[in-house]
Amino acid sequence: MTVFAAASLKESFTALGRKFEKDHPGTKVAFSFGGSDTLAASITAGAPADVFAAAGPRPMEIVTERGETAGAPAAFVRNRLEIATLPDAPDKPASLKDLTRSGLKVVLCDRTVPCGAAAQKALAAGGVELTPVSYEKDVKSALNKVVLKEADAALVYRTDVKAAGDKVQGVDFPESARAVNDYPIALLKNARNAEAAKAFIALVRSPEGQRVLAEAGFLKP
């Protein structure tokens, strides 16, 4: 069974995949993690997959509008942004407006992916105009720029900050409440392992699946 999932789901879905394999002997779960827009494009181009989990409604709409889903997608979690910065950095940004300070290197997700679209909403909500040093293909790439000290800060999901442990520090900001992303999941029309795919979706939406996702920092749908 192949699951295409947003990059921000990597840690939690990998854990759920291990549980699924344990509970379903003989079934192997293969994941493809990446930017939701890239995954959607791959699905509509014919890439074989059984399940699609996106970090926002628009990539799922693209797949649904092309008739690639079997049944209606269901929102299973929500996510919001934080500012990721280095824990030992002097004069760390404490607000969204601080990201405009002269000399501060900030990275954002590309506008076409859900984390980038959410960042644009948050910036607009705060009346903040920001020119990043780069736009990254997905949230993990944006966060990695900070981890590698190639950037001073990035707007990423709180779940990715948590997954990075002590490598980064998260800074909450009120404008993030204006840019919360719903994550939909769906069975794909051409699923080669439809029954296993349905069972995996059920696990994700079950109390146990929701517990794993909540521990990763996701919000209830």
N, C-alpha and C. Protein backbone atom coordinates (compact mmCIF):
# COMPACT_ATOMS: atom_id res chain seq x y z
N MET A 1 0.84 -1.20 0.00
CA MET A 1 0.00 0.00 0.00
C MET A 1 0.88 1.25 0.00
N THR A 2 0.54 2.21 -0.84
CA THR A 2 1.33 3.44 -0.96
C THR A 2 0.52 4.63 -0.49
N VAL A 3 1.13 5.41 0.41
CA VAL A 3 0.48 6.60 0.96
C VAL A 3 1.28 7.83 0.55
N PHE A 4 0.63 8.75 -0.13
CA PHE A 4 1.22 10.05 -0.45
C PHE A 4 0.76 11.01 0.65
N ALA A 5 1.72 11.63 1.35
CA ALA A 5 1.35 12.47 2.49
C ALA A 5 2.23 13.70 2.58
N ALA A 6 1.63 14.78 3.08
CA ALA A 6 2.34 16.04 3.26
C ALA A 6 3.58 15.83 4.13
N ALA A 7 4.63 16.61 3.83
CA ALA A 7 5.90 16.46 4.53
C ALA A 7 5.75 16.60 6.04
N SER A 8 4.83 17.44 6.49
CA SER A 8 4.66 17.67 7.92
C SER A 8 4.09 16.46 8.65
N LEU A 9 3.61 15.47 7.92
CA LEU A 9 3.06 14.26 8.53
C LEU A 9 4.09 13.15 8.68
N LYS A 10 5.31 13.40 8.29
CA LYS A 10 6.31 12.33 8.20
C LYS A 10 6.46 11.55 9.50
N GLU A 11 6.70 12.23 10.61
CA GLU A 11 6.97 11.53 11.86
C GLU A 11 5.75 10.75 12.36
N SER A 12 4.58 11.40 12.37
CA SER A 12 3.39 10.75 12.91
C SER A 12 2.90 9.63 12.00
N PHE A 13 2.92 9.84 10.69
CA PHE A 13 2.46 8.79 9.77
C PHE A 13 3.43 7.61 9.74
N THR A 14 4.71 7.87 9.89
CA THR A 14 5.68 6.77 9.94
C THR A 14 5.39 5.89 11.15
N ALA A 15 5.08 6.53 12.28
CA ALA A 15 4.74 5.76 13.48
C ALA A 15 3.45 4.97 13.28
N LEU A 16 2.45 5.59 12.66
CA LEU A 16 1.20 4.90 12.39
C LEU A 16 1.38 3.78 11.38
N GLY A 17 2.29 3.98 10.43
CA GLY A 17 2.59 2.93 9.45
C GLY A 17 3.18 1.70 10.11
N ARG A 18 4.07 1.91 11.08
CA ARG A 18 4.65 0.77 11.80
C ARG A 18 3.57 0.00 12.56
N LYS A 19 2.68 0.73 13.20
CA LYS A 19 1.58 0.07 13.93
C LYS A 19 0.69 -0.69 12.96
N PHE A 20 0.39 -0.08 11.82
CA PHE A 20 -0.48 -0.72 10.85
C PHE A 20 0.13 -2.04 10.36
N GLU A 21 1.41 -2.02 10.06
CA GLU A 21 2.09 -3.24 9.60
C GLU A 21 2.07 -4.32 10.68
N LYS A 22 2.21 -3.90 11.92
CA LYS A 22 2.18 -4.87 13.04
C LYS A 22 0.80 -5.49 13.17
N ASP A 23 -0.24 -4.67 12.99
CA ASP A 23 -1.62 -5.15 13.12
C ASP A 23 -2.12 -5.88 11.88
N HIS A 24 -1.42 -5.70 10.75
CA HIS A 24 -1.81 -6.34 9.49
C HIS A 24 -0.61 -7.07 8.90
N PRO A 25 -0.25 -8.23 9.47
CA PRO A 25 0.93 -8.98 9.00
C PRO A 25 0.87 -9.23 7.50
N GLY A 26 1.99 -8.99 6.85
CA GLY A 26 2.07 -9.21 5.41
C GLY A 26 1.79 -7.97 4.59
N THR A 27 1.29 -6.91 5.25
CA THR A 27 1.03 -5.66 4.54
C THR A 27 2.18 -4.69 4.77
N LYS A 28 2.71 -4.15 3.70
CA LYS A 28 3.80 -3.18 3.77
C LYS A 28 3.27 -1.81 3.38
N VAL A 29 3.56 -0.81 4.21
CA VAL A 29 3.13 0.56 3.92
C VAL A 29 4.33 1.35 3.41
N ALA A 30 4.22 1.85 2.18
CA ALA A 30 5.28 2.69 1.59
C ALA A 30 4.77 4.13 1.57
N PHE A 31 5.60 5.04 2.06
CA PHE A 31 5.21 6.45 2.11
C PHE A 31 6.00 7.28 1.10
N SER A 32 5.32 8.27 0.56
CA SER A 32 5.98 9.30 -0.24
C SER A 32 5.59 10.64 0.38
N PHE A 33 6.56 11.28 1.05
CA PHE A 33 6.30 12.56 1.71
C PHE A 33 6.85 13.70 0.86
N GLY A 34 6.12 14.82 0.86
CA GLY A 34 6.59 15.98 0.09
C GLY A 34 5.60 17.12 0.17
N GLY A 35 5.84 18.14 -0.65
CA GLY A 35 4.91 19.25 -0.74
C GLY A 35 3.58 18.76 -1.28
N SER A 36 2.48 19.18 -0.67
CA SER A 36 1.16 18.67 -1.07
C SER A 36 0.84 18.95 -2.53
N ASP A 37 1.28 20.11 -3.04
CA ASP A 37 1.00 20.43 -4.44
C ASP A 37 1.75 19.50 -5.38
N THR A 38 2.99 19.16 -5.03
CA THR A 38 3.78 18.23 -5.85
C THR A 38 3.16 16.85 -5.84
N LEU A 39 2.71 16.41 -4.67
CA LEU A 39 2.07 15.09 -4.58
C LEU A 39 0.78 15.06 -5.38
N ALA A 40 0.00 16.14 -5.30
CA ALA A 40 -1.25 16.22 -6.07
C ALA A 40 -0.97 16.14 -7.56
N ALA A 41 0.07 16.84 -8.01
CA ALA A 41 0.43 16.81 -9.42
C ALA A 41 0.84 15.40 -9.86
N SER A 42 1.55 14.69 -8.99
CA SER A 42 1.97 13.33 -9.31
C SER A 42 0.77 12.40 -9.43
N ILE A 43 -0.19 12.58 -8.52
CA ILE A 43 -1.40 11.73 -8.56
C ILE A 43 -2.18 11.98 -9.84
N THR A 44 -2.39 13.24 -10.18
CA THR A 44 -3.17 13.55 -11.39
C THR A 44 -2.42 13.16 -12.67
N ALA A 45 -1.10 12.98 -12.55
CA ALA A 45 -0.31 12.54 -13.70
C ALA A 45 -0.25 11.02 -13.80
N GLY A 46 -0.86 10.34 -12.84
CA GLY A 46 -0.94 8.89 -12.93
C GLY A 46 -0.06 8.11 -12.00
N ALA A 47 0.61 8.76 -11.08
CA ALA A 47 1.47 8.03 -10.13
C ALA A 47 0.63 7.07 -9.30
N PRO A 48 1.07 5.82 -9.13
CA PRO A 48 0.28 4.86 -8.37
C PRO A 48 0.32 5.15 -6.87
N ALA A 49 -0.85 5.31 -6.27
CA ALA A 49 -0.96 5.55 -4.83
C ALA A 49 -2.34 5.10 -4.38
N ASP A 50 -2.44 4.79 -3.09
CA ASP A 50 -3.70 4.32 -2.52
C ASP A 50 -4.38 5.37 -1.66
N VAL A 51 -3.58 6.17 -0.97
CA VAL A 51 -4.11 7.18 -0.04
C VAL A 51 -3.39 8.49 -0.27
N PHE A 52 -4.13 9.59 -0.16
CA PHE A 52 -3.53 10.93 -0.23
C PHE A 52 -3.95 11.71 1.01
N ALA A 53 -2.96 12.25 1.72
CA ALA A 53 -3.20 13.11 2.88
C ALA A 53 -2.48 14.42 2.63
N ALA A 54 -3.24 15.51 2.53
CA ALA A 54 -2.69 16.81 2.18
C ALA A 54 -2.68 17.75 3.38
N ALA A 55 -1.82 18.77 3.31
CA ALA A 55 -1.71 19.73 4.40
C ALA A 55 -2.64 20.93 4.24
N GLY A 56 -3.56 20.82 3.30
CA GLY A 56 -4.51 21.91 3.08
C GLY A 56 -5.56 21.46 2.08
N PRO A 57 -6.68 22.15 2.03
CA PRO A 57 -7.77 21.72 1.15
C PRO A 57 -7.49 21.86 -0.34
N ARG A 58 -6.72 22.87 -0.76
CA ARG A 58 -6.56 23.11 -2.18
C ARG A 58 -5.89 21.95 -2.93
N PRO A 59 -4.77 21.37 -2.46
CA PRO A 59 -4.19 20.24 -3.19
C PRO A 59 -5.17 19.07 -3.30
N MET A 60 -5.96 18.86 -2.25
CA MET A 60 -6.95 17.78 -2.31
C MET A 60 -8.04 18.11 -3.32
N GLU A 61 -8.44 19.38 -3.40
CA GLU A 61 -9.45 19.79 -4.38
C GLU A 61 -8.97 19.51 -5.81
N ILE A 62 -7.68 19.74 -6.04
CA ILE A 62 -7.12 19.49 -7.38
C ILE A 62 -7.29 18.02 -7.75
N VAL A 63 -6.98 17.14 -6.80
CA VAL A 63 -7.09 15.70 -7.04
C VAL A 63 -8.55 15.29 -7.19
N THR A 64 -9.42 15.85 -6.35
CA THR A 64 -10.84 15.52 -6.39
C THR A 64 -11.49 16.00 -7.69
N GLU A 65 -11.13 17.23 -8.10
CA GLU A 65 -11.71 17.79 -9.33
C GLU A 65 -11.32 16.99 -10.57
N ARG A 66 -10.20 16.30 -10.49
CA ARG A 66 -9.77 15.45 -11.61
C ARG A 66 -10.36 14.04 -11.51
N GLY A 67 -11.21 13.83 -10.52
CA GLY A 67 -11.86 12.53 -10.38
C GLY A 67 -10.97 11.43 -9.87
N GLU A 68 -9.94 11.80 -9.10
CA GLU A 68 -8.96 10.81 -8.65
C GLU A 68 -9.25 10.24 -7.27
N THR A 69 -10.28 10.74 -6.58
CA THR A 69 -10.60 10.23 -5.25
C THR A 69 -11.81 9.31 -5.30
N ALA A 70 -11.86 8.39 -4.35
CA ALA A 70 -13.01 7.49 -4.22
C ALA A 70 -13.76 7.90 -2.95
N GLY A 71 -14.82 8.65 -3.12
CA GLY A 71 -15.54 9.16 -1.96
C GLY A 71 -15.02 10.52 -1.54
N ALA A 72 -15.72 11.12 -0.61
CA ALA A 72 -15.37 12.47 -0.16
C ALA A 72 -14.19 12.45 0.79
N PRO A 73 -13.21 13.37 0.62
CA PRO A 73 -12.11 13.49 1.58
C PRO A 73 -12.64 13.91 2.95
N ALA A 74 -11.91 13.54 3.99
CA ALA A 74 -12.31 13.89 5.35
C ALA A 74 -11.16 14.60 6.06
N ALA A 75 -11.47 15.70 6.73
CA ALA A 75 -10.44 16.40 7.52
C ALA A 75 -10.15 15.58 8.77
N PHE A 76 -8.87 15.37 9.06
CA PHE A 76 -8.52 14.52 10.21
C PHE A 76 -7.70 15.25 11.27
N VAL A 77 -7.02 16.35 10.91
CA VAL A 77 -6.31 17.18 11.89
C VAL A 77 -6.24 18.60 11.36
N ARG A 78 -5.77 19.50 12.22
CA ARG A 78 -5.48 20.88 11.83
C ARG A 78 -4.05 21.19 12.30
N ASN A 79 -3.46 22.24 11.71
CA ASN A 79 -2.11 22.62 12.08
C ASN A 79 -1.97 24.14 11.98
N ARG A 80 -1.09 24.70 12.81
CA ARG A 80 -0.86 26.15 12.75
C ARG A 80 0.63 26.43 12.76
N LEU A 81 0.99 27.65 12.42
CA LEU A 81 2.38 28.02 12.24
C LEU A 81 3.06 28.49 13.52
N GLU A 82 4.37 28.35 13.54
CA GLU A 82 5.23 28.98 14.53
C GLU A 82 6.44 29.54 13.81
N ILE A 83 7.14 30.44 14.47
CA ILE A 83 8.43 30.90 13.97
C ILE A 83 9.48 29.95 14.51
N ALA A 84 10.25 29.33 13.63
CA ALA A 84 11.35 28.46 14.06
C ALA A 84 12.65 29.27 14.01
N THR A 85 13.40 29.23 15.09
CA THR A 85 14.66 29.93 15.15
C THR A 85 15.66 29.09 15.94
N LEU A 86 16.93 29.45 15.90
CA LEU A 86 17.94 28.69 16.62
C LEU A 86 17.87 29.02 18.11
N PRO A 87 17.93 28.00 18.97
CA PRO A 87 17.80 28.23 20.41
C PRO A 87 18.86 29.18 20.98
N ASP A 88 20.07 29.11 20.44
CA ASP A 88 21.17 29.92 20.98
C ASP A 88 21.42 31.22 20.20
N ALA A 89 20.50 31.55 19.30
CA ALA A 89 20.69 32.75 18.49
C ALA A 89 20.49 34.01 19.34
N PRO A 90 21.40 34.98 19.21
CA PRO A 90 21.22 36.23 19.93
C PRO A 90 20.09 37.06 19.31
N ASP A 91 19.35 37.74 20.15
CA ASP A 91 18.30 38.64 19.67
C ASP A 91 17.31 37.92 18.75
N LYS A 92 16.78 36.80 19.25
CA LYS A 92 15.83 36.01 18.46
C LYS A 92 14.54 36.79 18.20
N PRO A 93 13.90 36.56 17.06
CA PRO A 93 12.62 37.23 16.80
C PRO A 93 11.57 36.74 17.79
N ALA A 94 10.80 37.67 18.32
CA ALA A 94 9.76 37.34 19.30
C ALA A 94 8.36 37.57 18.76
N SER A 95 8.27 38.07 17.54
CA SER A 95 6.97 38.35 16.94
C SER A 95 7.09 38.27 15.42
N LEU A 96 5.95 38.29 14.76
CA LEU A 96 5.95 38.25 13.30
C LEU A 96 6.63 39.50 12.74
N LYS A 97 6.39 40.64 13.35
CA LYS A 97 6.98 41.89 12.87
C LYS A 97 8.50 41.87 12.98
N ASP A 98 9.02 41.14 13.98
CA ASP A 98 10.48 41.05 14.17
C ASP A 98 11.17 40.42 12.97
N LEU A 99 10.43 39.66 12.17
CA LEU A 99 11.04 38.99 11.01
C LEU A 99 11.47 39.97 9.93
N THR A 100 11.01 41.22 10.05
CA THR A 100 11.39 42.23 9.06
C THR A 100 12.65 42.99 9.46
N ARG A 101 13.26 42.61 10.58
CA ARG A 101 14.47 43.33 11.01
C ARG A 101 15.57 43.23 9.96
N SER A 102 16.29 44.30 9.79
CA SER A 102 17.38 44.35 8.82
C SER A 102 18.44 43.30 9.14
N GLY A 103 18.84 42.57 8.11
CA GLY A 103 19.90 41.58 8.27
C GLY A 103 19.41 40.21 8.68
N LEU A 104 18.14 40.08 9.06
CA LEU A 104 17.60 38.78 9.48
C LEU A 104 17.24 37.95 8.24
N LYS A 105 17.79 36.76 8.16
CA LYS A 105 17.52 35.87 7.03
C LYS A 105 16.33 34.98 7.37
N VAL A 106 15.26 35.15 6.61
CA VAL A 106 14.03 34.40 6.84
C VAL A 106 13.68 33.58 5.61
N VAL A 107 13.23 32.34 5.82
CA VAL A 107 12.78 31.51 4.70
C VAL A 107 11.30 31.17 4.89
N LEU A 108 10.61 31.02 3.79
CA LEU A 108 9.20 30.64 3.78
C LEU A 108 9.02 29.44 2.88
N CYS A 109 7.92 28.72 3.09
CA CYS A 109 7.54 27.69 2.12
C CYS A 109 7.03 28.39 0.87
N ASP A 110 7.18 27.72 -0.25
CA ASP A 110 6.66 28.27 -1.50
C ASP A 110 5.18 28.57 -1.37
N ARG A 111 4.74 29.62 -2.03
CA ARG A 111 3.33 30.04 -1.93
C ARG A 111 2.36 28.98 -2.43
N THR A 112 2.82 28.07 -3.26
CA THR A 112 1.92 27.07 -3.84
C THR A 112 1.64 25.91 -2.89
N VAL A 113 2.43 25.74 -1.83
CA VAL A 113 2.19 24.65 -0.88
C VAL A 113 1.42 25.20 0.32
N PRO A 114 0.68 24.35 1.02
CA PRO A 114 -0.16 24.84 2.12
C PRO A 114 0.56 25.64 3.20
N CYS A 115 1.78 25.25 3.58
CA CYS A 115 2.47 26.02 4.62
C CYS A 115 2.84 27.41 4.11
N GLY A 116 3.09 27.53 2.82
CA GLY A 116 3.39 28.83 2.24
C GLY A 116 2.16 29.69 2.14
N ALA A 117 1.03 29.07 1.76
CA ALA A 117 -0.23 29.81 1.69
C ALA A 117 -0.64 30.29 3.08
N ALA A 118 -0.43 29.45 4.09
CA ALA A 118 -0.75 29.84 5.47
C ALA A 118 0.14 30.99 5.93
N ALA A 119 1.42 30.94 5.55
CA ALA A 119 2.34 32.02 5.93
C ALA A 119 1.89 33.35 5.33
N GLN A 120 1.44 33.32 4.08
CA GLN A 120 0.97 34.55 3.44
C GLN A 120 -0.26 35.10 4.15
N LYS A 121 -1.16 34.21 4.57
CA LYS A 121 -2.35 34.64 5.32
C LYS A 121 -1.96 35.29 6.64
N ALA A 122 -1.01 34.66 7.35
CA ALA A 122 -0.57 35.18 8.64
C ALA A 122 0.10 36.54 8.49
N LEU A 123 0.95 36.66 7.48
CA LEU A 123 1.63 37.94 7.24
C LEU A 123 0.62 39.03 6.90
N ALA A 124 -0.37 38.68 6.09
CA ALA A 124 -1.41 39.66 5.74
C ALA A 124 -2.22 40.06 6.96
N ALA A 125 -2.50 39.07 7.82
CA ALA A 125 -3.27 39.36 9.04
C ALA A 125 -2.52 40.31 9.96
N GLY A 126 -1.19 40.22 9.95
CA GLY A 126 -0.38 41.09 10.79
C GLY A 126 0.05 42.36 10.11
N GLY A 127 -0.33 42.53 8.84
CA GLY A 127 0.09 43.71 8.09
C GLY A 127 1.60 43.77 7.91
N VAL A 128 2.21 42.59 7.78
CA VAL A 128 3.67 42.49 7.68
C VAL A 128 4.07 42.15 6.25
N GLU A 129 4.96 42.94 5.69
CA GLU A 129 5.51 42.66 4.36
C GLU A 129 6.92 42.12 4.54
N LEU A 130 7.16 40.95 3.97
CA LEU A 130 8.41 40.25 4.21
C LEU A 130 8.98 39.71 2.90
N THR A 131 10.26 39.93 2.69
CA THR A 131 10.96 39.37 1.53
C THR A 131 11.93 38.30 2.03
N PRO A 132 11.60 37.04 1.85
CA PRO A 132 12.46 35.97 2.36
C PRO A 132 13.71 35.80 1.50
N VAL A 133 14.71 35.16 2.07
CA VAL A 133 15.92 34.88 1.29
C VAL A 133 15.67 33.71 0.33
N SER A 134 14.65 32.89 0.64
CA SER A 134 14.28 31.81 -0.29
C SER A 134 12.89 31.30 0.02
N TYR A 135 12.28 30.71 -1.01
CA TYR A 135 11.02 29.99 -0.87
C TYR A 135 11.35 28.51 -1.05
N GLU A 136 10.94 27.69 -0.09
CA GLU A 136 11.29 26.27 -0.12
C GLU A 136 10.13 25.39 -0.58
N LYS A 137 10.46 24.23 -1.14
CA LYS A 137 9.46 23.36 -1.77
C LYS A 137 8.49 22.73 -0.78
N ASP A 138 8.92 22.57 0.49
CA ASP A 138 8.01 22.04 1.51
C ASP A 138 8.49 22.48 2.89
N VAL A 139 7.72 22.16 3.90
CA VAL A 139 7.98 22.67 5.25
C VAL A 139 9.28 22.11 5.83
N LYS A 140 9.61 20.86 5.52
CA LYS A 140 10.85 20.28 6.04
C LYS A 140 12.07 21.00 5.47
N SER A 141 12.00 21.36 4.20
CA SER A 141 13.11 22.08 3.57
C SER A 141 13.30 23.46 4.20
N ALA A 142 12.17 24.12 4.50
CA ALA A 142 12.25 25.44 5.14
C ALA A 142 12.87 25.34 6.52
N LEU A 143 12.42 24.37 7.30
CA LEU A 143 12.96 24.18 8.65
C LEU A 143 14.44 23.83 8.61
N ASN A 144 14.82 23.01 7.62
CA ASN A 144 16.21 22.57 7.53
C ASN A 144 17.17 23.72 7.30
N LYS A 145 16.69 24.77 6.65
CA LYS A 145 17.54 25.96 6.44
C LYS A 145 17.95 26.57 7.78
N VAL A 146 17.05 26.54 8.75
CA VAL A 146 17.37 27.06 10.08
C VAL A 146 18.28 26.10 10.82
N VAL A 147 17.97 24.80 10.75
CA VAL A 147 18.80 23.79 11.42
C VAL A 147 20.24 23.86 10.95
N LEU A 148 20.43 24.08 9.64
CA LEU A 148 21.79 24.15 9.06
C LEU A 148 22.41 25.54 9.20
N LYS A 149 21.69 26.44 9.87
CA LYS A 149 22.16 27.81 10.10
C LYS A 149 22.35 28.61 8.82
N GLU A 150 21.57 28.23 7.79
CA GLU A 150 21.57 28.98 6.54
C GLU A 150 20.52 30.08 6.57
N ALA A 151 19.69 30.06 7.61
CA ALA A 151 18.68 31.10 7.81
C ALA A 151 18.51 31.31 9.31
N ASP A 152 18.04 32.50 9.66
CA ASP A 152 17.84 32.83 11.08
C ASP A 152 16.47 32.40 11.57
N ALA A 153 15.51 32.33 10.68
CA ALA A 153 14.14 31.99 11.07
C ALA A 153 13.35 31.48 9.88
N ALA A 154 12.31 30.72 10.19
CA ALA A 154 11.41 30.21 9.15
C ALA A 154 10.00 30.13 9.72
N LEU A 155 9.02 30.34 8.86
CA LEU A 155 7.63 30.15 9.25
C LEU A 155 7.24 28.73 8.86
N VAL A 156 7.06 27.88 9.87
CA VAL A 156 6.77 26.46 9.64
C VAL A 156 5.67 26.01 10.59
N TYR A 157 5.22 24.78 10.43
CA TYR A 157 4.20 24.26 11.33
C TYR A 157 4.77 23.97 12.71
N ARG A 158 3.94 24.15 13.71
CA ARG A 158 4.35 23.87 15.08
C ARG A 158 4.76 22.41 15.24
N THR A 159 4.14 21.50 14.45
CA THR A 159 4.47 20.09 14.54
C THR A 159 5.90 19.82 14.08
N ASP A 160 6.37 20.59 13.10
CA ASP A 160 7.74 20.40 12.62
C ASP A 160 8.75 20.96 13.61
N VAL A 161 8.39 22.05 14.28
CA VAL A 161 9.25 22.57 15.35
C VAL A 161 9.39 21.52 16.44
N LYS A 162 8.28 20.91 16.82
CA LYS A 162 8.30 19.90 17.87
C LYS A 162 9.12 18.69 17.45
N ALA A 163 8.98 18.28 16.19
CA ALA A 163 9.70 17.10 15.70
C ALA A 163 11.21 17.34 15.66
N ALA A 164 11.61 18.59 15.52
CA ALA A 164 13.05 18.91 15.44
C ALA A 164 13.73 18.90 16.81
N GLY A 165 12.94 18.80 17.87
CA GLY A 165 13.53 18.72 19.21
C GLY A 165 14.29 19.97 19.59
N ASP A 166 15.50 19.78 20.13
CA ASP A 166 16.28 20.93 20.62
C ASP A 166 17.10 21.60 19.52
N LYS A 167 16.90 21.18 18.26
CA LYS A 167 17.63 21.82 17.17
C LYS A 167 17.12 23.22 16.87
N VAL A 168 15.83 23.44 17.15
CA VAL A 168 15.23 24.75 16.92
C VAL A 168 14.35 25.13 18.11
N GLN A 169 13.99 26.38 18.16
CA GLN A 169 13.05 26.86 19.18
C GLN A 169 11.86 27.48 18.48
N GLY A 170 10.67 27.18 18.96
CA GLY A 170 9.46 27.72 18.36
C GLY A 170 8.97 28.97 19.07
N VAL A 171 8.52 29.92 18.29
CA VAL A 171 7.96 31.17 18.82
C VAL A 171 6.53 31.29 18.31
N ASP A 172 5.59 31.24 19.22
CA ASP A 172 4.19 31.39 18.84
C ASP A 172 3.89 32.85 18.54
N PHE A 173 2.90 33.11 17.70
CA PHE A 173 2.51 34.49 17.40
C PHE A 173 1.01 34.50 17.13
N PRO A 174 0.31 35.51 17.59
CA PRO A 174 -1.16 35.52 17.53
C PRO A 174 -1.74 35.42 16.13
N GLU A 175 -1.04 35.96 15.14
CA GLU A 175 -1.56 35.95 13.77
C GLU A 175 -1.71 34.53 13.21
N SER A 176 -1.03 33.55 13.83
CA SER A 176 -1.13 32.17 13.34
C SER A 176 -2.54 31.62 13.47
N ALA A 177 -3.32 32.18 14.39
CA ALA A 177 -4.71 31.73 14.55
C ALA A 177 -5.57 32.08 13.34
N ARG A 178 -5.09 33.01 12.51
CA ARG A 178 -5.82 33.42 11.30
C ARG A 178 -5.43 32.57 10.09
N ALA A 179 -4.54 31.62 10.30
CA ALA A 179 -4.04 30.82 9.17
C ALA A 179 -3.87 29.36 9.56
N VAL A 180 -4.92 28.78 10.12
CA VAL A 180 -4.90 27.38 10.53
C VAL A 180 -5.29 26.51 9.34
N ASN A 181 -4.50 25.46 9.09
CA ASN A 181 -4.76 24.59 7.95
C ASN A 181 -5.48 23.31 8.36
N ASP A 182 -6.54 22.97 7.62
CA ASP A 182 -7.21 21.67 7.76
C ASP A 182 -6.50 20.67 6.86
N TYR A 183 -6.30 19.46 7.39
CA TYR A 183 -5.64 18.39 6.64
C TYR A 183 -6.68 17.35 6.21
N PRO A 184 -6.94 17.19 4.92
CA PRO A 184 -7.87 16.15 4.46
C PRO A 184 -7.14 14.87 4.05
N ILE A 185 -7.84 13.76 4.16
CA ILE A 185 -7.30 12.47 3.73
C ILE A 185 -8.35 11.77 2.87
N ALA A 186 -7.91 11.03 1.86
CA ALA A 186 -8.86 10.38 0.97
C ALA A 186 -8.29 9.10 0.39
N LEU A 187 -9.20 8.16 0.12
CA LEU A 187 -8.88 6.97 -0.65
C LEU A 187 -8.85 7.37 -2.12
N LEU A 188 -7.85 6.90 -2.85
CA LEU A 188 -7.74 7.24 -4.26
C LEU A 188 -8.47 6.23 -5.14
N LYS A 189 -9.02 6.72 -6.23
CA LYS A 189 -9.88 5.93 -7.11
C LYS A 189 -9.17 4.68 -7.65
N ASN A 190 -7.91 4.85 -8.02
CA ASN A 190 -7.18 3.74 -8.63
C ASN A 190 -6.32 2.98 -7.62
N ALA A 191 -6.73 3.01 -6.36
CA ALA A 191 -5.98 2.29 -5.32
C ALA A 191 -5.87 0.81 -5.66
N ARG A 192 -4.65 0.30 -5.59
CA ARG A 192 -4.43 -1.12 -5.88
C ARG A 192 -4.70 -1.98 -4.66
N ASN A 193 -4.69 -1.35 -3.50
CA ASN A 193 -4.94 -2.06 -2.25
C ASN A 193 -6.01 -1.29 -1.45
N ALA A 194 -7.20 -1.24 -2.02
CA ALA A 194 -8.26 -0.39 -1.47
C ALA A 194 -8.65 -0.77 -0.04
N GLU A 195 -8.75 -2.07 0.23
CA GLU A 195 -9.17 -2.48 1.57
C GLU A 195 -8.15 -2.09 2.62
N ALA A 196 -6.87 -2.30 2.32
CA ALA A 196 -5.81 -1.89 3.26
C ALA A 196 -5.80 -0.38 3.40
N ALA A 197 -6.03 0.33 2.30
CA ALA A 197 -6.04 1.79 2.33
C ALA A 197 -7.17 2.30 3.22
N LYS A 198 -8.35 1.69 3.10
CA LYS A 198 -9.48 2.07 3.95
C LYS A 198 -9.15 1.83 5.42
N ALA A 199 -8.49 0.72 5.69
CA ALA A 199 -8.12 0.39 7.07
C ALA A 199 -7.09 1.39 7.62
N PHE A 200 -6.17 1.83 6.76
CA PHE A 200 -5.18 2.81 7.23
C PHE A 200 -5.85 4.15 7.52
N ILE A 201 -6.76 4.58 6.66
CA ILE A 201 -7.50 5.82 6.90
C ILE A 201 -8.30 5.72 8.20
N ALA A 202 -8.88 4.55 8.43
CA ALA A 202 -9.62 4.34 9.68
C ALA A 202 -8.70 4.46 10.89
N LEU A 203 -7.48 3.94 10.77
CA LEU A 203 -6.51 4.05 11.87
C LEU A 203 -6.17 5.51 12.13
N VAL A 204 -5.92 6.27 11.06
CA VAL A 204 -5.58 7.69 11.21
C VAL A 204 -6.68 8.44 11.94
N ARG A 205 -7.93 8.09 11.65
CA ARG A 205 -9.07 8.81 12.22
C ARG A 205 -9.53 8.22 13.55
N SER A 206 -8.97 7.09 13.94
CA SER A 206 -9.37 6.43 15.19
C SER A 206 -8.82 7.18 16.40
N PRO A 207 -9.34 6.89 17.60
CA PRO A 207 -8.81 7.53 18.81
C PRO A 207 -7.30 7.31 18.97
N GLU A 208 -6.82 6.12 18.62
CA GLU A 208 -5.38 5.87 18.74
C GLU A 208 -4.58 6.70 17.74
N GLY A 209 -5.08 6.76 16.50
CA GLY A 209 -4.40 7.59 15.50
C GLY A 209 -4.41 9.05 15.89
N GLN A 210 -5.53 9.51 16.41
CA GLN A 210 -5.63 10.90 16.83
C GLN A 210 -4.71 11.20 18.01
N ARG A 211 -4.50 10.21 18.87
CA ARG A 211 -3.57 10.39 19.99
C ARG A 211 -2.14 10.60 19.48
N VAL A 212 -1.74 9.77 18.52
CA VAL A 212 -0.39 9.90 17.94
C VAL A 212 -0.23 11.28 17.30
N LEU A 213 -1.23 11.71 16.57
CA LEU A 213 -1.17 13.00 15.90
C LEU A 213 -1.17 14.15 16.90
N ALA A 214 -1.94 14.03 17.98
CA ALA A 214 -1.98 15.06 19.01
C ALA A 214 -0.64 15.17 19.72
N GLU A 215 0.00 14.04 19.96
CA GLU A 215 1.33 14.04 20.59
C GLU A 215 2.35 14.73 19.70
N ALA A 216 2.13 14.71 18.39
CA ALA A 216 3.03 15.37 17.45
C ALA A 216 2.76 16.87 17.37
N GLY A 217 1.67 17.31 18.00
CA GLY A 217 1.36 18.74 18.01
C GLY A 217 0.20 19.15 17.13
N PHE A 218 -0.43 18.19 16.47
CA PHE A 218 -1.58 18.52 15.62
C PHE A 218 -2.80 18.84 16.47
N LEU A 219 -3.70 19.64 15.90
CA LEU A 219 -4.95 20.01 16.56
C LEU A 219 -6.08 19.15 16.04
N LYS A 220 -7.15 19.03 16.82
CA LYS A 220 -8.31 18.27 16.39
C LYS A 220 -8.99 18.99 15.21
N PRO A 221 -9.58 18.23 14.28
CA PRO A 221 -10.23 18.85 13.12
C PRO A 221 -11.47 19.63 13.52
